[in-house]
Amino acid sequence: MSSLKISLIDPVHTCTCRVLYGDTDAGGVVYNANYLRYFEQGRSAFMRENVLSYKAIEDMGFILPVVESYLRYKAPAGYDDLLTIKTSMQQISAVSWRFNHHILLSDSNKLLVKGFTVHASVNRKGKLSKMPAELIDKFNRVSSPPPI
């Protein structure tokens, strides 16, 4: 069992989503890979509110693909549950960022899943590329350095 620490650091963005029937498996719980979709929902909202929308970044010629992910499942969610997705960001390098996520059951605040995704900055040809300084400044304003 992993003991990775996945802390949320200000600013923390919070959003909610309702579990769809199609998000569940034959056991009636959210299928494990769907939590990555919930991470994406939280990450997209965090970016839109604090930095720039992914669409605007793509229009600048950059893509932020996931290059690493980790999930730790603590408890299941089921159909029609209301989930709270909490997201924060930390800088890893000049061309990569890590988003930390906690997913909770909204009515009880019970932690269901915690994890992270790491994203690299690449150009349209898939080459690692540094973004313009003004965009990196926006990232740096809402990210903290990695823990020591």
Protein backbone atom coordinates (compact mmCIF):
# COMPACT_ATOMS: atom_id res chain seq x y z
CA MET A 1 0.00 0.00 0.00
CA SER A 2 1.39 3.36 -1.00
CA SER A 3 1.75 6.16 1.51
CA LEU A 4 2.23 9.02 -0.93
CA LYS A 5 1.25 12.35 0.59
CA ILE A 6 -1.10 14.27 -1.68
CA SER A 7 -1.74 17.64 -0.08
CA LEU A 8 -3.93 20.40 -1.39
CA ILE A 9 -2.18 23.77 -1.35
CA ASP A 10 -3.88 27.15 -1.87
CA PRO A 11 -5.44 28.06 -4.13
CA VAL A 12 -7.75 25.05 -4.02
CA HIS A 13 -10.50 24.93 -6.62
CA THR A 14 -13.71 23.11 -5.68
CA CYS A 15 -16.40 21.87 -8.05
CA THR A 16 -19.06 19.18 -7.95
CA CYS A 17 -20.38 16.52 -10.28
CA ARG A 18 -23.08 13.91 -10.10
CA VAL A 19 -22.18 10.26 -10.81
CA LEU A 20 -23.88 9.07 -13.98
CA TYR A 21 -25.20 5.52 -14.30
CA GLY A 22 -22.72 4.98 -17.16
CA ASP A 23 -19.83 5.83 -14.80
CA THR A 24 -20.54 2.72 -12.70
CA ASP A 25 -19.48 -0.89 -13.20
CA ALA A 26 -21.37 -4.16 -12.76
CA GLY A 27 -20.85 -3.85 -9.01
CA GLY A 28 -22.76 -0.55 -8.96
CA VAL A 29 -19.76 1.57 -8.00
CA VAL A 30 -17.80 4.12 -10.01
CA TYR A 31 -15.43 2.31 -12.36
CA ASN A 32 -11.85 3.06 -11.25
CA ALA A 33 -10.66 4.78 -14.47
CA ASN A 34 -13.55 7.25 -14.33
CA TYR A 35 -11.88 9.02 -11.42
CA LEU A 36 -9.30 10.26 -13.94
CA ARG A 37 -12.20 11.91 -15.81
CA TYR A 38 -13.29 13.57 -12.56
CA PHE A 39 -9.68 14.72 -12.06
CA GLU A 40 -9.85 16.24 -15.55
CA GLN A 41 -13.07 18.05 -14.71
CA GLY A 42 -11.49 19.56 -11.60
CA ARG A 43 -8.25 20.39 -13.41
CA SER A 44 -10.04 22.10 -16.30
CA ALA A 45 -12.10 24.21 -13.92
CA PHE A 46 -9.00 25.07 -11.87
CA MET A 47 -7.14 26.18 -15.01
CA ARG A 48 -10.07 28.20 -16.35
CA GLU A 49 -10.47 30.05 -13.04
CA ASN A 50 -6.81 30.54 -12.09
CA VAL A 51 -4.65 30.48 -15.23
CA LEU A 52 -6.22 30.18 -18.68
CA SER A 53 -8.57 27.70 -20.30
CA TYR A 54 -7.05 24.67 -21.96
CA LYS A 55 -8.67 25.84 -25.20
CA ALA A 56 -6.80 29.16 -25.01
CA ILE A 57 -3.52 27.33 -24.28
CA GLU A 58 -4.12 25.04 -27.26
CA ASP A 59 -4.85 28.09 -29.42
CA MET A 60 -1.35 29.30 -28.44
CA GLY A 61 0.08 26.06 -29.88
CA PHE A 62 0.65 24.11 -26.65
CA ILE A 63 -0.82 20.91 -25.27
CA LEU A 64 -0.54 19.70 -21.66
CA PRO A 65 -0.72 15.88 -21.87
CA VAL A 66 -0.78 13.69 -18.81
CA VAL A 67 2.65 12.06 -18.42
CA GLU A 68 2.07 10.47 -15.01
CA SER A 69 -0.89 9.70 -12.78
CA TYR A 70 -1.53 8.15 -9.41
CA LEU A 71 -4.79 7.31 -7.65
CA ARG A 72 -5.40 5.99 -4.14
CA TYR A 73 -8.89 4.62 -3.64
CA LYS A 74 -10.25 5.03 -0.11
CA ALA A 75 -14.00 4.34 -0.49
CA PRO A 76 -16.45 3.76 -3.35
CA ALA A 77 -18.92 6.16 -4.93
CA GLY A 78 -22.13 4.98 -6.56
CA TYR A 79 -24.74 6.05 -9.06
CA ASP A 80 -26.27 9.48 -8.39
CA ASP A 81 -23.79 10.38 -5.64
CA LEU A 82 -22.80 14.04 -5.61
CA LEU A 83 -19.02 14.33 -5.60
CA THR A 84 -16.85 17.26 -4.57
CA ILE A 85 -13.64 17.56 -6.58
CA LYS A 86 -10.85 19.58 -4.99
CA THR A 87 -7.83 20.52 -7.09
CA SER A 88 -4.57 22.34 -6.48
CA MET A 89 -1.35 22.70 -8.45
CA GLN A 90 2.36 22.58 -7.81
CA GLN A 91 5.23 23.29 -10.16
CA ILE A 92 7.62 20.46 -10.92
CA SER A 93 9.84 22.16 -13.52
CA ALA A 94 9.76 24.94 -16.11
CA VAL A 95 7.82 22.63 -18.45
CA SER A 96 5.77 20.41 -16.15
CA TRP A 97 3.13 20.79 -13.46
CA ARG A 98 1.43 18.47 -11.02
CA PHE A 99 -2.21 18.74 -10.08
CA ASN A 100 -3.27 17.20 -6.76
CA HIS A 101 -6.84 16.02 -6.38
CA HIS A 102 -9.16 14.91 -3.60
CA ILE A 103 -12.61 13.55 -4.42
CA LEU A 104 -15.10 13.51 -1.58
CA LEU A 105 -18.69 12.46 -1.09
CA SER A 106 -20.40 15.84 -0.91
CA ASP A 107 -22.99 15.09 1.75
CA SER A 108 -20.51 13.67 4.28
CA ASN A 109 -17.14 15.08 3.14
CA LYS A 110 -15.82 11.50 3.20
CA LEU A 111 -12.61 11.15 1.20
CA LEU A 112 -13.16 8.68 -1.65
CA VAL A 113 -10.06 9.10 -3.82
CA LYS A 114 -6.88 11.12 -3.72
CA GLY A 115 -4.29 11.35 -6.42
CA PHE A 116 -2.35 13.45 -8.85
CA THR A 117 -1.60 13.95 -12.51
CA VAL A 118 1.61 15.38 -13.96
CA HIS A 119 1.45 17.32 -17.22
CA ALA A 120 4.19 18.34 -19.63
CA SER A 121 4.13 21.30 -22.00
CA VAL A 122 4.52 20.14 -25.60
CA ASN A 123 4.04 21.83 -28.96
CA ARG A 124 1.71 20.54 -31.69
CA LYS A 125 4.50 18.26 -32.95
CA GLY A 126 4.77 16.59 -29.55
CA LYS A 127 8.12 18.15 -28.63
CA LEU A 128 8.72 19.34 -25.08
CA SER A 129 8.39 23.14 -25.27
CA LYS A 130 8.63 25.98 -22.81
CA MET A 131 5.54 28.19 -22.81
CA PRO A 132 5.74 31.98 -23.13
CA ALA A 133 7.01 33.75 -19.99
CA GLU A 134 3.68 35.45 -19.27
CA LEU A 135 1.90 32.08 -19.21
CA ILE A 136 4.59 30.50 -17.02
CA ASP A 137 4.18 33.48 -14.66
CA LYS A 138 0.45 32.70 -14.40
CA PHE A 139 1.23 29.06 -13.59
CA ASN A 140 3.81 30.09 -11.00
CA ARG A 141 1.36 32.42 -9.24
CA VAL A 142 -0.99 29.51 -8.48
CA SER A 143 1.51 26.73 -7.92
CA SER A 144 3.90 26.02 -5.11
CA PRO A 145 7.30 24.37 -5.33
CA PRO A 146 7.36 20.62 -4.76
CA PRO A 147 7.71 19.54 -1.13
CA ILE A 148 11.24 18.73 0.04
